[in-house]
PDB file of N, CA and C in Angstrom:
ATOM      1  N   MET A   1       0.418  -1.436  -0.249  1.00  0.00           N
ATOM      2  CA  MET A   1      -0.034  -0.397  -0.268  1.00  0.00           C
ATOM      3  C   MET A   1       1.011   1.597   0.340  1.00  0.00           C
ATOM      4  N   THR A   2       0.157   2.117  -0.907  1.00  0.00           N
ATOM      5  CA  THR A   2       1.514   3.283  -0.362  1.00  0.00           C
ATOM      6  C   THR A   2       0.940   3.624   0.809  1.00  0.00           C
ATOM      7  N   GLU A   3       0.617   4.144   1.219  1.00  0.00           N
ATOM      8  CA  GLU A   3       0.587   5.014   2.824  1.00  0.00           C
ATOM      9  C   GLU A   3       1.655   4.316   3.589  1.00  0.00           C
ATOM     10  N   ASP A   4       1.624   2.846   3.705  1.00  0.00           N
ATOM     11  CA  ASP A   4       3.055   2.034   3.727  1.00  0.00           C
ATOM     12  C   ASP A   4       4.011   2.758   3.791  1.00  0.00           C
ATOM     13  N   ARG A   5       4.305   3.299   2.091  1.00  0.00           N
ATOM     14  CA  ARG A   5       5.469   3.084   1.210  1.00  0.00           C
ATOM     15  C   ARG A   5       5.822   4.835   1.994  1.00  0.00           C
ATOM     16  N   VAL A   6       4.931   5.383   2.225  1.00  0.00           N
ATOM     17  CA  VAL A   6       4.772   6.848   2.900  1.00  0.00           C
ATOM     18  C   VAL A   6       5.872   6.529   3.994  1.00  0.00           C
ATOM     19  N   LEU A   7       4.997   6.417   4.570  1.00  0.00           N
ATOM     20  CA  LEU A   7       5.333   6.553   6.035  1.00  0.00           C
ATOM     21  C   LEU A   7       6.360   5.488   5.922  1.00  0.00           C
ATOM     22  N   ALA A   8       6.598   4.729   6.261  1.00  0.00           N
ATOM     23  CA  ALA A   8       8.149   3.550   5.987  1.00  0.00           C
ATOM     24  C   ALA A   8       9.273   4.844   5.605  1.00  0.00           C
ATOM     25  N   PHE A   9       8.839   5.298   4.172  1.00  0.00           N
ATOM     26  CA  PHE A   9      10.612   6.287   3.437  1.00  0.00           C
ATOM     27  C   PHE A   9      10.442   8.276   4.124  1.00  0.00           C
ATOM     28  N   LEU A  10       9.571   8.580   4.859  1.00  0.00           N
ATOM     29  CA  LEU A  10      10.456   9.813   5.950  1.00  0.00           C
ATOM     30  C   LEU A  10      10.312   8.830   7.359  1.00  0.00           C
ATOM     31  N   LYS A  11       9.812   7.700   7.806  1.00  0.00           N
ATOM     32  CA  LYS A  11      10.698   7.267   9.492  1.00  0.00           C
ATOM     33  C   LYS A  11      11.669   6.892   9.250  1.00  0.00           C
ATOM     34  N   GLU A  12      12.243   6.596   8.285  1.00  0.00           N
ATOM     35  CA  GLU A  12      13.518   5.373   7.581  1.00  0.00           C
ATOM     36  C   GLU A  12      14.336   6.506   7.160  1.00  0.00           C
ATOM     37  N   TYR A  13      14.345   8.143   6.430  1.00  0.00           N
ATOM     38  CA  TYR A  13      14.298   9.209   6.179  1.00  0.00           C
ATOM     39  C   TYR A  13      14.418  10.033   6.449  1.00  0.00           C
ATOM     40  N   HIS A  14      14.125  10.650   6.403  1.00  0.00           N
ATOM     41  CA  HIS A  14      13.139  12.024   7.071  1.00  0.00           C
ATOM     42  C   HIS A  14      12.229  11.745   8.579  1.00  0.00           C
ATOM     43  N   VAL A  15      13.756  12.062   9.014  1.00  0.00           N
ATOM     44  CA  VAL A  15      12.970  12.336  10.515  1.00  0.00           C
ATOM     45  C   VAL A  15      13.451  13.922  10.934  1.00  0.00           C
ATOM     46  N   GLY A  16      12.397  14.979  12.120  1.00  0.00           N
ATOM     47  CA  GLY A  16      12.361  15.523  12.613  1.00  0.00           C
ATOM     48  C   GLY A  16      13.029  16.868  11.785  1.00  0.00           C
ATOM     49  N   PHE A  17      13.293  17.763  11.633  1.00  0.00           N
ATOM     50  CA  PHE A  17      12.927  18.774  11.902  1.00  0.00           C
ATOM     51  C   PHE A  17      14.798  19.509  11.540  1.00  0.00           C
ATOM     52  N   GLY A  18      14.627  19.574   9.820  1.00  0.00           N
ATOM     53  CA  GLY A  18      16.039  19.737   9.183  1.00  0.00           C
ATOM     54  C   GLY A  18      16.581  18.300   8.253  1.00  0.00           C
ATOM     55  N   ASN A  19      15.612  18.013   8.384  1.00  0.00           N
ATOM     56  CA  ASN A  19      15.001  16.314   7.219  1.00  0.00           C
ATOM     57  C   ASN A  19      14.785  16.452   6.631  1.00  0.00           C
ATOM     58  N   GLU A  20      13.411  17.578   6.010  1.00  0.00           N
ATOM     59  CA  GLU A  20      12.907  17.579   5.380  1.00  0.00           C
ATOM     60  C   GLU A  20      13.129  16.349   3.805  1.00  0.00           C
ATOM     61  N   ILE A  21      11.729  16.854   3.266  1.00  0.00           N
ATOM     62  CA  ILE A  21      12.458  15.819   1.856  1.00  0.00           C
ATOM     63  C   ILE A  21      11.142  16.817   1.324  1.00  0.00           C
ATOM     64  N   ALA A  22      11.335  17.422  -0.225  1.00  0.00           N
ATOM     65  CA  ALA A  22      10.791  18.100  -0.759  1.00  0.00           C
ATOM     66  C   ALA A  22       9.862  17.745  -1.648  1.00  0.00           C
ATOM     67  N   SER A  23       8.735  18.230  -1.474  1.00  0.00           N
ATOM     68  CA  SER A  23       7.015  17.263  -2.330  1.00  0.00           C
ATOM     69  C   SER A  23       7.628  16.843  -3.307  1.00  0.00           C
ATOM     70  N   ARG A  24       8.172  17.118  -3.962  1.00  0.00           N
ATOM     71  CA  ARG A  24       8.693  16.496  -5.838  1.00  0.00           C
ATOM     72  C   ARG A  24       9.450  15.354  -5.877  1.00  0.00           C
ATOM     73  N   GLU A  25      10.705  15.939  -4.691  1.00  0.00           N
ATOM     74  CA  GLU A  25      11.438  14.739  -4.465  1.00  0.00           C
ATOM     75  C   GLU A  25      10.669  13.433  -3.980  1.00  0.00           C
ATOM     76  N   LEU A  26      10.229  13.545  -2.509  1.00  0.00           N
ATOM     77  CA  LEU A  26       9.524  12.609  -2.107  1.00  0.00           C
ATOM     78  C   LEU A  26       8.786  11.700  -3.413  1.00  0.00           C
ATOM     79  N   GLU A  27       7.878  12.699  -4.316  1.00  0.00           N
ATOM     80  CA  GLU A  27       7.315  12.419  -5.484  1.00  0.00           C
ATOM     81  C   GLU A  27       7.664  11.259  -6.750  1.00  0.00           C
ATOM     82  N   ARG A  28       8.952  11.649  -6.649  1.00  0.00           N
ATOM     83  CA  ARG A  28       9.977  11.069  -7.872  1.00  0.00           C
ATOM     84  C   ARG A  28      10.705   9.782  -6.829  1.00  0.00           C
ATOM     85  N   SER A  29      10.920  10.153  -5.714  1.00  0.00           N
ATOM     86  CA  SER A  29      11.653   9.036  -5.015  1.00  0.00           C
ATOM     87  C   SER A  29      10.854   7.600  -5.288  1.00  0.00           C
ATOM     88  N   LEU A  30       8.906   7.834  -4.886  1.00  0.00           N
ATOM     89  CA  LEU A  30       8.434   6.690  -4.346  1.00  0.00           C
ATOM     90  C   LEU A  30       7.204   6.414  -5.767  1.00  0.00           C
ATOM     91  N   HIS A  31       7.412   7.290  -7.245  1.00  0.00           N
ATOM     92  CA  HIS A  31       7.096   6.751  -8.080  1.00  0.00           C
ATOM     93  C   HIS A  31       4.904   7.429  -8.066  1.00  0.00           C
ATOM     94  N   ILE A  32       4.577   9.011  -7.891  1.00  0.00           N
ATOM     95  CA  ILE A  32       3.759   9.490  -6.833  1.00  0.00           C
ATOM     96  C   ILE A  32       3.759  10.266  -7.008  1.00  0.00           C
ATOM     97  N   LYS A  33       2.105  10.554  -7.621  1.00  0.00           N
ATOM     98  CA  LYS A  33       1.561  12.313  -8.315  1.00  0.00           C
ATOM     99  C   LYS A  33       1.071  13.198  -7.348  1.00  0.00           C
ATOM    100  N   GLY A  34       1.382  14.074  -7.724  1.00  0.00           N
ATOM    101  CA  GLY A  34       1.606  15.644  -6.086  1.00  0.00           C
ATOM    102  C   GLY A  34       0.269  15.188  -5.338  1.00  0.00           C
ATOM    103  N   GLN A  35      -1.090  14.521  -6.438  1.00  0.00           N
ATOM    104  CA  GLN A  35      -2.095  14.965  -5.581  1.00  0.00           C
ATOM    105  C   GLN A  35      -2.451  14.236  -4.635  1.00  0.00           C
ATOM    106  N   THR A  36      -2.018  12.904  -5.295  1.00  0.00           N
ATOM    107  CA  THR A  36      -2.125  11.430  -4.316  1.00  0.00           C
ATOM    108  C   THR A  36      -0.897  11.661  -2.934  1.00  0.00           C
ATOM    109  N   LEU A  37       0.207  12.413  -3.708  1.00  0.00           N
ATOM    110  CA  LEU A  37       0.503  12.378  -1.839  1.00  0.00           C
ATOM    111  C   LEU A  37      -0.207  13.206  -1.235  1.00  0.00           C
ATOM    112  N   ARG A  38      -0.729  14.309  -1.034  1.00  0.00           N
ATOM    113  CA  ARG A  38      -1.739  15.040  -0.546  1.00  0.00           C
ATOM    114  C   ARG A  38      -2.542  14.772   0.221  1.00  0.00           C
ATOM    115  N   GLU A  39      -2.662  13.674  -0.478  1.00  0.00           N
ATOM    116  CA  GLU A  39      -3.480  12.522   0.069  1.00  0.00           C
ATOM    117  C   GLU A  39      -3.676  11.671   0.697  1.00  0.00           C
ATOM    118  N   ILE A  40      -2.479  11.031   0.925  1.00  0.00           N
ATOM    119  CA  ILE A  40      -1.692  10.701   1.556  1.00  0.00           C
ATOM    120  C   ILE A  40      -1.070  10.817   2.878  1.00  0.00           C
ATOM    121  N   VAL A  41      -0.829  12.068   2.849  1.00  0.00           N
ATOM    122  CA  VAL A  41      -0.248  12.777   4.184  1.00  0.00           C
ATOM    123  C   VAL A  41      -1.260  13.214   4.849  1.00  0.00           C
ATOM    124  N   ASN A  42      -2.761  13.661   4.404  1.00  0.00           N
ATOM    125  CA  ASN A  42      -3.926  13.674   4.547  1.00  0.00           C
ATOM    126  C   ASN A  42      -4.207  12.371   5.812  1.00  0.00           C
ATOM    127  N   SER A  43      -4.783  11.653   5.018  1.00  0.00           N
ATOM    128  CA  SER A  43      -4.934  10.347   5.548  1.00  0.00           C
ATOM    129  C   SER A  43      -4.155  10.251   6.437  1.00  0.00           C
ATOM    130  N   LEU A  44      -2.599  10.074   6.662  1.00  0.00           N
ATOM    131  CA  LEU A  44      -2.051   9.352   7.272  1.00  0.00           C
ATOM    132  C   LEU A  44      -1.850  10.484   9.245  1.00  0.00           C
ATOM    133  N   ARG A  45      -2.211  11.569   8.618  1.00  0.00           N
ATOM    134  CA  ARG A  45      -2.098  12.688  10.060  1.00  0.00           C
ATOM    135  C   ARG A  45      -4.364  12.412  10.853  1.00  0.00           C
ATOM    136  N   CYS A  46      -4.467  12.334   9.470  1.00  0.00           N
ATOM    137  CA  CYS A  46      -6.395  11.924  10.640  1.00  0.00           C
ATOM    138  C   CYS A  46      -5.608  10.510  11.196  1.00  0.00           C
ATOM    139  N   ASN A  47      -4.916   9.578  10.587  1.00  0.00           N
ATOM    140  CA  ASN A  47      -5.192   8.763  11.049  1.00  0.00           C
ATOM    141  C   ASN A  47      -3.708   8.761  13.027  1.00  0.00           C
ATOM    142  N   GLY A  48      -3.614   9.788  12.961  1.00  0.00           N
ATOM    143  CA  GLY A  48      -2.596   9.909  14.182  1.00  0.00           C
ATOM    144  C   GLY A  48      -1.184  10.085  13.680  1.00  0.00           C
ATOM    145  N   TYR A  49      -0.631   9.946  12.565  1.00  0.00           N
ATOM    146  CA  TYR A  49       0.797   9.748  11.888  1.00  0.00           C
ATOM    147  C   TYR A  49       1.389  11.095  12.043  1.00  0.00           C
ATOM    148  N   PRO A  50       2.175  11.199  12.886  1.00  0.00           N
ATOM    149  CA  PRO A  50       2.652  13.011  13.177  1.00  0.00           C
ATOM    150  C   PRO A  50       3.961  13.645  11.746  1.00  0.00           C
ATOM    151  N   ILE A  51       2.862  13.019  10.765  1.00  0.00           N
ATOM    152  CA  ILE A  51       4.336  13.584  10.005  1.00  0.00           C
ATOM    153  C   ILE A  51       3.707  15.391   9.825  1.00  0.00           C
ATOM    154  N   CYS A  52       4.305  15.759   9.270  1.00  0.00           N
ATOM    155  CA  CYS A  52       4.957  17.277   9.745  1.00  0.00           C
ATOM    156  C   CYS A  52       5.404  17.546   8.265  1.00  0.00           C
ATOM    157  N   SER A  53       5.911  18.985   8.086  1.00  0.00           N
ATOM    158  CA  SER A  53       5.929  19.857   7.031  1.00  0.00           C
ATOM    159  C   SER A  53       5.750  21.710   7.542  1.00  0.00           C
ATOM    160  N   ASN A  54       7.038  22.451   6.861  1.00  0.00           N
ATOM    161  CA  ASN A  54       7.113  23.667   6.158  1.00  0.00           C
ATOM    162  C   ASN A  54       7.989  23.861   5.065  1.00  0.00           C
ATOM    163  N   GLN A  55       8.214  24.847   4.595  1.00  0.00           N
ATOM    164  CA  GLN A  55       8.074  25.500   3.589  1.00  0.00           C
ATOM    165  C   GLN A  55       9.609  24.696   2.616  1.00  0.00           C
ATOM    166  N   ASN A  56       9.876  23.845   3.369  1.00  0.00           N
ATOM    167  CA  ASN A  56      11.353  22.777   3.249  1.00  0.00           C
ATOM    168  C   ASN A  56      10.258  21.046   2.700  1.00  0.00           C
ATOM    169  N   GLY A  57       9.443  21.279   2.690  1.00  0.00           N
ATOM    170  CA  GLY A  57       8.786  19.727   2.223  1.00  0.00           C
ATOM    171  C   GLY A  57       8.661  18.761   3.530  1.00  0.00           C
ATOM    172  N   TYR A  58       8.529  17.812   4.051  1.00  0.00           N
ATOM    173  CA  TYR A  58       7.373  16.810   4.685  1.00  0.00           C
ATOM    174  C   TYR A  58       8.660  16.044   5.687  1.00  0.00           C
ATOM    175  N   PHE A  59       8.301  15.885   7.033  1.00  0.00           N
ATOM    176  CA  PHE A  59       9.188  14.550   8.113  1.00  0.00           C
ATOM    177  C   PHE A  59       8.524  14.173   8.065  1.00  0.00           C
ATOM    178  N   TYR A  60       8.408  12.930   9.248  1.00  0.00           N
ATOM    179  CA  TYR A  60       8.268  12.752  10.111  1.00  0.00           C
ATOM    180  C   TYR A  60       8.654  13.522  12.099  1.00  0.00           C
ATOM    181  N   ALA A  61       8.086  13.838  12.511  1.00  0.00           N
ATOM    182  CA  ALA A  61       8.051  14.818  13.634  1.00  0.00           C
ATOM    183  C   ALA A  61       9.016  13.692  14.339  1.00  0.00           C
ATOM    184  N   SER A  62      10.209  14.067  15.276  1.00  0.00           N
ATOM    185  CA  SER A  62      10.566  13.538  16.864  1.00  0.00           C
ATOM    186  C   SER A  62      10.642  14.499  17.293  1.00  0.00           C
ATOM    187  N   ALA A  63       9.934  15.546  17.563  1.00  0.00           N
ATOM    188  CA  ALA A  63      10.194  16.714  18.923  1.00  0.00           C
ATOM    189  C   ALA A  63       8.823  17.036  18.994  1.00  0.00           C
ATOM    190  N   LEU A  64       7.352  16.739  19.820  1.00  0.00           N
ATOM    191  CA  LEU A  64       6.051  17.864  19.820  1.00  0.00           C
ATOM    192  C   LEU A  64       6.144  18.462  19.383  1.00  0.00           C
ATOM    193  N   MET A  65       7.662  19.748  19.846  1.00  0.00           N
ATOM    194  CA  MET A  65       7.779  20.864  18.551  1.00  0.00           C
ATOM    195  C   MET A  65       7.458  21.221  16.811  1.00  0.00           C
ATOM    196  N   ASP A  66       8.138  20.190  16.568  1.00  0.00           N
ATOM    197  CA  ASP A  66       7.907  19.830  15.149  1.00  0.00           C
ATOM    198  C   ASP A  66       5.831  19.516  14.667  1.00  0.00           C
ATOM    199  N   VAL A  67       5.004  18.673  15.762  1.00  0.00           N
ATOM    200  CA  VAL A  67       3.952  18.632  15.208  1.00  0.00           C
ATOM    201  C   VAL A  67       2.827  20.222  15.338  1.00  0.00           C
ATOM    202  N   GLN A  68       3.797  20.987  16.482  1.00  0.00           N
ATOM    203  CA  GLN A  68       2.772  21.989  17.078  1.00  0.00           C
ATOM    204  C   GLN A  68       3.110  23.398  16.164  1.00  0.00           C
ATOM    205  N   LYS A  69       4.719  23.587  15.497  1.00  0.00           N
ATOM    206  CA  LYS A  69       4.760  24.630  14.631  1.00  0.00           C
ATOM    207  C   LYS A  69       3.441  23.897  12.969  1.00  0.00           C
ATOM    208  N   THR A  70       3.910  22.323  12.685  1.00  0.00           N
ATOM    209  CA  THR A  70       2.978  21.912  11.918  1.00  0.00           C
ATOM    210  C   THR A  70       1.243  22.284  11.757  1.00  0.00           C
ATOM    211  N   ILE A  71       1.178  22.091  13.428  1.00  0.00           N
ATOM    212  CA  ILE A  71       0.000  22.471  13.791  1.00  0.00           C
ATOM    213  C   ILE A  71      -0.897  23.893  13.003  1.00  0.00           C
ATOM    214  N   ASN A  72       0.391  24.918  13.973  1.00  0.00           N
ATOM    215  CA  ASN A  72      -0.434  25.988  13.728  1.00  0.00           C
ATOM    216  C   ASN A  72      -0.236  26.637  12.061  1.00  0.00           C
ATOM    217  N   GLN A  73       1.138  25.777  11.130  1.00  0.00           N
ATOM    218  CA  GLN A  73       0.531  26.306   9.910  1.00  0.00           C
ATOM    219  C   GLN A  73      -1.007  25.933   9.219  1.00  0.00           C
ATOM    220  N   LEU A  74      -0.601  24.600   9.755  1.00  0.00           N
ATOM    221  CA  LEU A  74      -2.415  24.383   9.135  1.00  0.00           C
ATOM    222  C   LEU A  74      -3.589  25.237   9.262  1.00  0.00           C
ATOM    223  N   SER A  75      -3.104  25.813  10.923  1.00  0.00           N
ATOM    224  CA  SER A  75      -4.082  26.968  11.402  1.00  0.00           C
ATOM    225  C   SER A  75      -4.320  27.929  10.294  1.00  0.00           C
ATOM    226  N   HIS A  76      -3.019  28.592  10.066  1.00  0.00           N
ATOM    227  CA  HIS A  76      -3.032  29.781   9.702  1.00  0.00           C
ATOM    228  C   HIS A  76      -3.771  29.159   8.761  1.00  0.00           C
ATOM    229  N   ARG A  77      -3.181  28.130   7.730  1.00  0.00           N
ATOM    230  CA  ARG A  77      -4.113  27.504   6.245  1.00  0.00           C
ATOM    231  C   ARG A  77      -5.546  27.939   6.495  1.00  0.00           C
ATOM    232  N   ILE A  78      -5.815  27.427   7.008  1.00  0.00           N
ATOM    233  CA  ILE A  78      -8.172  27.056   7.196  1.00  0.00           C
ATOM    234  C   ILE A  78      -7.692  28.921   6.950  1.00  0.00           C
ATOM    235  N   GLN A  79      -7.826  29.762   7.815  1.00  0.00           N
ATOM    236  CA  GLN A  79      -8.408  30.851   8.573  1.00  0.00           C
ATOM    237  C   GLN A  79      -7.884  31.780   7.019  1.00  0.00           C
ATOM    238  N   ARG A  80      -7.201  31.443   6.379  1.00  0.00           N
ATOM    239  CA  ARG A  80      -6.685  32.085   4.836  1.00  0.00           C
ATOM    240  C   ARG A  80      -8.258  31.256   4.045  1.00  0.00           C
ATOM    241  N   MET A  81      -8.157  30.192   4.323  1.00  0.00           N
ATOM    242  CA  MET A  81      -8.913  29.935   3.601  1.00  0.00           C
ATOM    243  C   MET A  81     -10.147  29.996   3.877  1.00  0.00           C
ATOM    244  N   GLY A  82     -10.687  30.126   5.058  1.00  0.00           N
ATOM    245  CA  GLY A  82     -12.436  31.251   5.431  1.00  0.00           C
ATOM    246  C   GLY A  82     -12.080  32.310   4.727  1.00  0.00           C
ATOM    247  N   LYS A  83     -11.346  32.417   4.760  1.00  0.00           N
ATOM    248  CA  LYS A  83     -11.297  34.319   4.377  1.00  0.00           C
ATOM    249  C   LYS A  83     -11.788  34.209   2.819  1.00  0.00           C
ATOM    250  N   ALA A  84     -11.331  33.321   2.382  1.00  0.00           N
ATOM    251  CA  ALA A  84     -10.938  33.184   0.294  1.00  0.00           C
ATOM    252  C   ALA A  84     -13.257  33.006   0.178  1.00  0.00           C
ATOM    253  N   ARG A  85     -12.722  31.897   0.961  1.00  0.00           N
ATOM    254  CA  ARG A  85     -14.573  31.692   1.039  1.00  0.00           C
ATOM    255  C   ARG A  85     -15.545  33.126   1.241  1.00  0.00           C
ATOM    256  N   GLU A  86     -14.812  33.826   2.714  1.00  0.00           N
ATOM    257  CA  GLU A  86     -16.129  34.555   2.271  1.00  0.00           C
ATOM    258  C   GLU A  86     -16.466  36.017   1.733  1.00  0.00           C
ATOM    259  N   GLY A  87     -15.456  35.847   0.802  1.00  0.00           N
ATOM    260  CA  GLY A  87     -15.510  37.183  -0.069  1.00  0.00           C
ATOM    261  C   GLY A  87     -15.679  36.467  -1.507  1.00  0.00           C
ATOM    262  N   LEU A  88     -15.997  34.983  -1.581  1.00  0.00           N
ATOM    263  CA  LEU A  88     -16.087  34.532  -2.975  1.00  0.00           C
ATOM    264  C   LEU A  88     -17.751  34.420  -2.806  1.00  0.00           C
ATOM    265  N   GLN A  89     -18.062  34.164  -0.707  1.00  0.00           N
ATOM    266  CA  GLN A  89     -19.581  34.526  -0.593  1.00  0.00           C
ATOM    267  C   GLN A  89     -20.283  35.909  -1.062  1.00  0.00           C
ATOM    268  N   LEU A  90     -19.532  36.502  -0.502  1.00  0.00           N
ATOM    269  CA  LEU A  90     -19.460  38.439  -0.886  1.00  0.00           C
ATOM    270  C   LEU A  90     -19.979  38.675  -2.261  1.00  0.00           C
ATOM    271  N   TRP A  91     -19.404  38.316  -2.553  1.00  0.00           N
ATOM    272  CA  TRP A  91     -19.371  37.998  -4.602  1.00  0.00           C
ATOM    273  C   TRP A  91     -20.557  37.172  -4.534  1.00  0.00           C
ATOM    274  N   GLU A  92     -20.553  36.347  -4.420  1.00  0.00           N
ATOM    275  CA  GLU A  92     -21.885  35.413  -4.128  1.00  0.00           C
ATOM    276  C   GLU A  92     -23.413  36.302  -4.108  1.00  0.00           C
ATOM    277  N   ARG A  93     -23.638  36.249  -2.953  1.00  0.00           N
ATOM    278  CA  ARG A  93     -24.627  37.429  -2.463  1.00  0.00           C
ATOM    279  C   ARG A  93     -24.973  38.905  -3.231  1.00  0.00           C
ATOM    280  N   LYS A  94     -24.008  39.445  -3.731  1.00  0.00           N
ATOM    281  CA  LYS A  94     -24.274  40.674  -4.730  1.00  0.00           C
ATOM    282  C   LYS A  94     -24.587  40.531  -6.172  1.00  0.00           C
ATOM    283  N   TYR A  95     -24.148  39.276  -6.275  1.00  0.00           N
ATOM    284  CA  TYR A  95     -24.335  38.592  -7.829  1.00  0.00           C
ATOM    285  C   TYR A  95     -25.571  38.042  -8.103  1.00  0.00           C
ATOM    286  N   ASN A  96     -26.460  37.411  -6.745  1.00  0.00           N
ATOM    287  CA  ASN A  96     -27.709  36.912  -6.702  1.00  0.00           C
ATOM    288  C   ASN A  96     -28.823  38.097  -6.308  1.00  0.00           C
ATOM    289  N   ARG A  97     -28.472  39.299  -6.653  1.00  0.00           N
ATOM    290  CA  ARG A  97     -29.419  40.722  -5.779  1.00  0.00           C
ATOM    291  C   ARG A  97     -29.279  41.009  -7.292  1.00  0.00           C
ATOM    292  N   LYS A  98     -29.102  40.375  -7.908  1.00  0.00           N
ATOM    293  CA  LYS A  98     -28.592  41.685  -9.470  1.00  0.00           C
ATOM    294  C   LYS A  98     -29.956  40.870 -10.437  1.00  0.00           C
TER     295      LYS A  98
END
């Protein structure tokens, strides 16, 4: 299963902050597409595996701080998406009045 391969690869070669692997490099190494990788990472996280990420790529957490930073990053992205949704809803309401 591909999830198992991603998990094993990160746990073996990319543990802790500073040992990230860029998404494209991970995709090439495991012969998977970007969308598939993002879905796998999301699934692993949903199942409680500490798969972290930052601007340099993905890695398996080696410390609580790794997970906390990833949680903060995800929270910030959720807030930005919410603002984008609100902007589109504003446009939608204006459009529906016409």
